[in-house]
Structure formats: C-alpha cells, structure tokens
Amino acid sequence: MEKILIADDEQLMRQLVVDFLKPEGYEILEAADGKEALDMYKEHHPDLVLLDVMMPGYDGWTVCREIRRESTVPIMMLTAKGEEIDQLFAYDLGVDEYITKPCSPKILVAKIKAFLRRTQKEGEGGGEEGVSIDREARQVVLDGQNIDLSPTEYKLLNYLMINTGKALSRRQILNKVWNYEYYGDLRTVDTHINRLRIKLGDRGKFIQTVRGYGYRYDIK
C-alpha cells in the first residue's frame, strides 16, 4: 500500500484530501505543521509528500529543502501561493508538481494517481553497461557504487534512460524534467547534461548530443 504524507495546518483541508484519497487504497499520514511533517517523513518514509507552504514552525520550503538533503521522494506542493516566482522557487528546491488552491479534490486525486502511476512505470526496467537506476530508492548505481546526483540530475538521467535510443529535444527535456513551461534559456539543459556526464565518468559518453536538437541516451 502506497503511503502519502499530507502536511497542512488546515485540518479541514487535510480531512477533505484524506476523504478523497483513502477510498483509492492509499495509506494516509497527516501532519499539522512543518516539524511534525519532517518527523513523520523520517519515521515512515512515505511514497509521496503533499506539502502546504504556509505552516507554523517550519514552512513548506524548509520541509522540502530538508527532505531533498537526503531523498528524491516525489514532492507535490498544494498551496494558495500562486505567483510565478513562488512556483519557480519551488521547482528550484526540487518540487515535482505545484498545485494552487483552490483545487478540485477530484482533480488533485487524479493528479496524484497519475503521478504515482508514472513513477511506477519509470521503475520498470534497469540499466546497462555498468549504469543502473534503483527507482524504488531513487538512486543511480555506477559499477555497483551509488553516485551522488541532485534531484534534477536524477530526473534527467532517468528520463534519458527510459527513452534509450530516442532523440529528445531540449524543450521536451525541460518540460519533463523541470515539470513546467520554461521560459528561460534552453541552455540550462546543456549545463545539467555536462554535470551529469562528469559524474558518470567514462559512461558519460552514453549521453550523446544530437546536433541542433537535443540529446539521446544510447550505449551503442
């Protein structure tokens, strides 16, 4: 049974989400403030974290930052803060999905189910030539040793490997890995690709440049 941690200081909001999620078969954990959310995360290791931003004690930004120090567990923000600057900040911290209140509970449940299905699908398969991904632990293994990747680097490599042999445009990569419409410089993809190649050592050659288009992961 997949576990979902809901952290929101509004009890009615938590109850509303719980009422819609429990019938879907999820185990629900509830936290009323940021400190409780971190404590519950460390104790129960949920499969997905649903965070409000404005909470007493630690706010959602702090909770997200602390979780990202040790884990790439999926994090979804559910908040009334809908400004673009807040959304961009959230994605920089490593949030996977940003949802603004008010939100239809049915739509929220549909998003959570779709996100978890996608995560499960991405967990199918393995790796080749010394590079593999333990998607349950969200960890990349190189020649039997775990390598230290940022959440964004992990998502980038995961996306490339799932689509092994396919040419992916920079725009496709941005929309999938950064999970929002990116209006800045597409070269941010190049920067992260270069960092990833360095961390993969001689296996970095598997990430091939498709001139004038994007990148392809291929061991051939």
Protein backbone atom coordinates (compact mmCIF):
# COMPACT_ATOMS: atom_id res chain seq x y z
CA MET A 1 0.00 0.00 0.00
CA GLU A 2 1.48 3.34 -1.04
CA LYS A 3 1.89 5.90 1.73
CA ILE A 4 1.11 9.59 1.21
CA LEU A 5 2.12 12.22 3.74
CA ILE A 6 -0.18 15.27 3.82
CA ALA A 7 1.26 18.31 5.60
CA ASP A 8 -1.17 21.21 6.02
CA ASP A 9 -2.06 23.30 9.07
CA GLU A 10 -5.70 23.47 8.00
CA GLN A 11 -7.42 20.42 9.49
CA LEU A 12 -10.44 20.76 7.19
CA MET A 13 -8.17 20.78 4.15
CA ARG A 14 -6.36 17.66 5.33
CA GLN A 15 -9.64 15.91 6.03
CA LEU A 16 -11.00 16.80 2.60
CA VAL A 17 -7.94 15.34 0.88
CA VAL A 18 -7.99 12.27 3.12
CA ASP A 19 -11.66 11.62 2.36
CA PHE A 20 -10.91 11.51 -1.35
CA LEU A 21 -7.63 9.56 -1.15
CA LYS A 22 -8.46 6.79 1.34
CA PRO A 23 -11.10 5.12 -0.87
CA GLU A 24 -8.36 4.80 -3.52
CA GLY A 25 -6.44 2.46 -1.21
CA TYR A 26 -3.63 4.77 -0.07
CA GLU A 27 -2.27 4.82 3.46
CA ILE A 28 -2.52 8.43 4.64
CA LEU A 29 -0.22 10.17 7.11
CA GLU A 30 -1.17 13.62 8.43
CA ALA A 31 0.98 16.44 9.77
CA ALA A 32 -0.31 19.79 11.07
CA ASP A 33 3.00 21.68 10.92
CA GLY A 34 6.41 21.52 9.31
CA LYS A 35 8.26 19.92 12.22
CA GLU A 36 5.68 17.16 12.50
CA ALA A 37 5.92 16.63 8.75
CA LEU A 38 9.69 16.12 8.91
CA ASP A 39 9.40 13.79 11.90
CA MET A 40 6.75 11.69 10.16
CA TYR A 41 8.74 11.61 6.94
CA LYS A 42 11.83 10.29 8.73
CA GLU A 43 9.82 7.68 10.63
CA HIS A 44 7.52 6.39 7.89
CA HIS A 45 9.33 7.11 4.57
CA PRO A 46 6.20 7.84 2.50
CA ASP A 47 5.99 7.25 -1.24
CA LEU A 48 4.77 10.81 -1.90
CA VAL A 49 4.69 14.05 0.12
CA LEU A 50 1.92 16.62 -0.31
CA LEU A 51 3.06 19.94 1.20
CA ASP A 52 1.42 23.25 2.01
CA VAL A 53 3.79 26.24 2.01
CA MET A 54 2.44 28.36 4.86
CA MET A 55 2.65 26.22 8.01
CA PRO A 56 3.68 27.02 11.60
CA GLY A 57 7.15 26.03 12.74
CA TYR A 58 8.89 25.02 9.53
CA ASP A 59 7.24 26.24 6.35
CA GLY A 60 6.85 24.06 3.26
CA TRP A 61 10.00 25.46 1.67
CA THR A 62 12.06 24.37 4.68
CA VAL A 63 10.46 20.93 4.80
CA CYS A 64 11.13 20.41 1.10
CA ARG A 65 14.73 21.59 1.44
CA GLU A 66 15.39 19.23 4.36
CA ILE A 67 13.84 16.23 2.60
CA ARG A 68 15.87 16.94 -0.52
CA ARG A 69 19.08 16.78 1.52
CA GLU A 70 18.62 13.03 1.76
CA SER A 71 15.92 11.89 -0.64
CA THR A 72 14.36 12.33 -4.07
CA VAL A 73 10.91 11.14 -2.92
CA PRO A 74 8.16 12.76 -5.05
CA ILE A 75 7.02 16.07 -3.52
CA MET A 76 3.86 17.92 -4.58
CA MET A 77 3.09 21.43 -3.34
CA LEU A 78 -0.56 22.28 -2.63
CA THR A 79 -0.71 25.95 -1.73
CA ALA A 80 -2.57 29.23 -2.11
CA LYS A 81 0.69 30.90 -3.22
CA GLY A 82 0.14 31.01 -6.97
CA GLU A 83 2.67 33.63 -8.05
CA GLU A 84 5.11 32.58 -10.76
CA ILE A 85 8.09 33.45 -8.55
CA ASP A 86 6.82 31.01 -5.89
CA GLN A 87 6.40 28.26 -8.44
CA LEU A 88 9.87 28.79 -9.89
CA PHE A 89 11.36 28.79 -6.39
CA ALA A 90 9.56 25.52 -5.62
CA TYR A 91 10.94 23.81 -8.71
CA ASP A 92 14.43 25.06 -7.88
CA LEU A 93 14.09 23.38 -4.49
CA GLY A 94 13.23 20.09 -6.18
CA VAL A 95 9.41 20.03 -6.07
CA ASP A 96 7.95 17.64 -8.65
CA GLU A 97 4.48 19.17 -9.00
CA TYR A 98 2.98 22.53 -7.97
CA ILE A 99 -0.79 22.83 -7.46
CA THR A 100 -2.52 26.03 -6.40
CA LYS A 101 -5.55 26.28 -4.11
CA PRO A 102 -8.45 26.19 -4.53
CA CYS A 103 -8.20 22.90 -6.37
CA SER A 104 -10.89 20.35 -7.12
CA PRO A 105 -10.30 17.33 -4.82
CA LYS A 106 -11.15 15.01 -7.70
CA ILE A 107 -8.55 16.70 -9.91
CA LEU A 108 -6.00 16.52 -7.09
CA VAL A 109 -6.61 12.79 -6.62
CA ALA A 110 -6.35 12.26 -10.39
CA LYS A 111 -3.00 14.10 -10.43
CA ILE A 112 -1.67 12.04 -7.52
CA LYS A 113 -2.77 8.75 -9.11
CA ALA A 114 -1.26 9.74 -12.47
CA PHE A 115 1.98 10.82 -10.80
CA LEU A 116 2.32 7.57 -8.84
CA ARG A 117 1.49 5.50 -11.94
CA ARG A 118 4.18 7.36 -13.86
CA THR A 119 6.64 6.74 -11.04
CA GLN A 120 5.81 3.02 -11.06
CA LYS A 121 6.20 2.86 -14.85
CA GLU A 122 9.55 4.57 -14.60
CA GLY A 123 10.52 1.94 -12.05
CA GLU A 124 10.25 -0.79 -14.65
CA GLY A 125 13.44 -1.87 -16.33
CA GLY A 126 17.06 -1.49 -15.35
CA GLY A 127 20.32 -0.31 -16.79
CA GLU A 128 23.14 -1.50 -18.97
CA GLU A 129 26.91 -1.29 -19.24
CA GLY A 130 27.50 -0.55 -15.57
CA VAL A 131 24.84 2.17 -15.17
CA SER A 132 21.54 1.33 -13.49
CA ILE A 133 18.79 3.09 -11.58
CA ASP A 134 17.26 1.77 -8.37
CA ARG A 135 13.97 3.59 -8.82
CA GLU A 136 12.48 2.39 -5.54
CA ALA A 137 15.36 4.06 -3.69
CA ARG A 138 15.64 6.78 -6.38
CA GLN A 139 19.37 6.12 -6.57
CA VAL A 140 21.77 5.76 -9.51
CA VAL A 141 24.33 2.98 -9.34
CA LEU A 142 27.58 3.08 -11.33
CA ASP A 143 29.62 -0.14 -11.35
CA GLY A 144 27.94 -1.23 -8.13
CA GLN A 145 28.53 2.08 -6.33
CA ASN A 146 25.92 4.74 -5.60
CA ILE A 147 26.73 8.11 -7.15
CA ASP A 148 25.66 11.43 -5.69
CA LEU A 149 23.20 13.21 -8.01
CA SER A 150 20.99 16.20 -7.32
CA PRO A 151 17.22 15.61 -7.67
CA THR A 152 17.27 17.33 -11.06
CA GLU A 153 20.26 15.29 -12.29
CA TYR A 154 18.50 12.11 -11.18
CA LYS A 155 15.31 13.02 -13.04
CA LEU A 156 17.31 13.99 -16.11
CA LEU A 157 19.22 10.71 -16.28
CA ASN A 158 16.08 8.72 -15.51
CA TYR A 159 14.20 10.40 -18.36
CA LEU A 160 17.07 9.82 -20.81
CA MET A 161 17.42 6.14 -19.86
CA ILE A 162 13.68 5.45 -20.06
CA ASN A 163 13.87 6.75 -23.63
CA THR A 164 17.10 4.97 -24.57
CA GLY A 165 17.79 5.33 -28.27
CA LYS A 166 15.33 8.20 -28.75
CA ALA A 167 16.39 11.72 -29.69
CA LEU A 168 14.86 14.16 -27.19
CA SER A 169 14.70 17.89 -27.85
CA ARG A 170 15.84 20.39 -25.23
CA ARG A 171 12.24 21.59 -24.93
CA GLN A 172 10.99 18.04 -24.31
CA ILE A 173 13.62 17.56 -21.62
CA LEU A 174 12.77 20.86 -19.93
CA ASN A 175 9.05 20.15 -19.85
CA LYS A 176 9.55 16.66 -18.45
CA VAL A 177 12.42 17.16 -16.01
CA TRP A 178 11.63 20.67 -14.79
CA ASN A 179 7.91 19.87 -14.99
CA TYR A 180 6.71 23.30 -16.10
CA GLU A 181 6.81 25.52 -19.15
CA TYR A 182 10.31 27.00 -19.06
CA TYR A 183 10.67 30.47 -20.49
CA GLY A 184 14.38 30.98 -19.88
CA ASP A 185 17.50 29.86 -21.71
CA LEU A 186 17.27 26.34 -23.13
CA ARG A 187 20.99 26.01 -22.46
CA THR A 188 20.16 25.15 -18.85
CA VAL A 189 19.75 21.62 -20.22
CA ASP A 190 23.28 21.72 -21.62
CA THR A 191 24.64 22.78 -18.24
CA HIS A 192 22.99 19.89 -16.43
CA ILE A 193 23.99 17.41 -19.14
CA ASN A 194 27.63 18.45 -18.77
CA ARG A 195 27.49 17.99 -14.99
CA LEU A 196 25.84 14.60 -15.41
CA ARG A 197 28.47 13.44 -17.92
CA ILE A 198 31.22 14.35 -15.47
CA LYS A 199 29.60 12.37 -12.66
CA LEU A 200 29.15 9.34 -14.94
CA GLY A 201 32.85 9.33 -15.83
CA ASP A 202 33.63 7.31 -18.95
CA ARG A 203 29.93 6.29 -19.13
CA GLY A 204 29.12 9.94 -19.82
CA LYS A 205 29.66 9.14 -23.50
CA PHE A 206 26.32 7.30 -23.43
CA ILE A 207 24.63 10.72 -23.36
CA GLN A 208 25.04 11.70 -26.98
CA THR A 209 24.50 15.15 -28.45
CA VAL A 210 22.02 15.39 -31.32
CA ARG A 211 23.34 18.44 -33.13
CA GLY A 212 20.89 21.34 -33.32
CA TYR A 213 18.19 19.37 -31.49
CA GLY A 214 18.95 17.86 -28.10
CA TYR A 215 20.26 14.63 -26.61
CA ARG A 216 19.95 10.85 -26.78
CA TYR A 217 20.99 8.15 -24.31
CA ASP A 218 22.48 5.21 -26.19
CA ILE A 219 25.08 2.62 -25.22
CA LYS A 220 25.84 1.78 -28.85
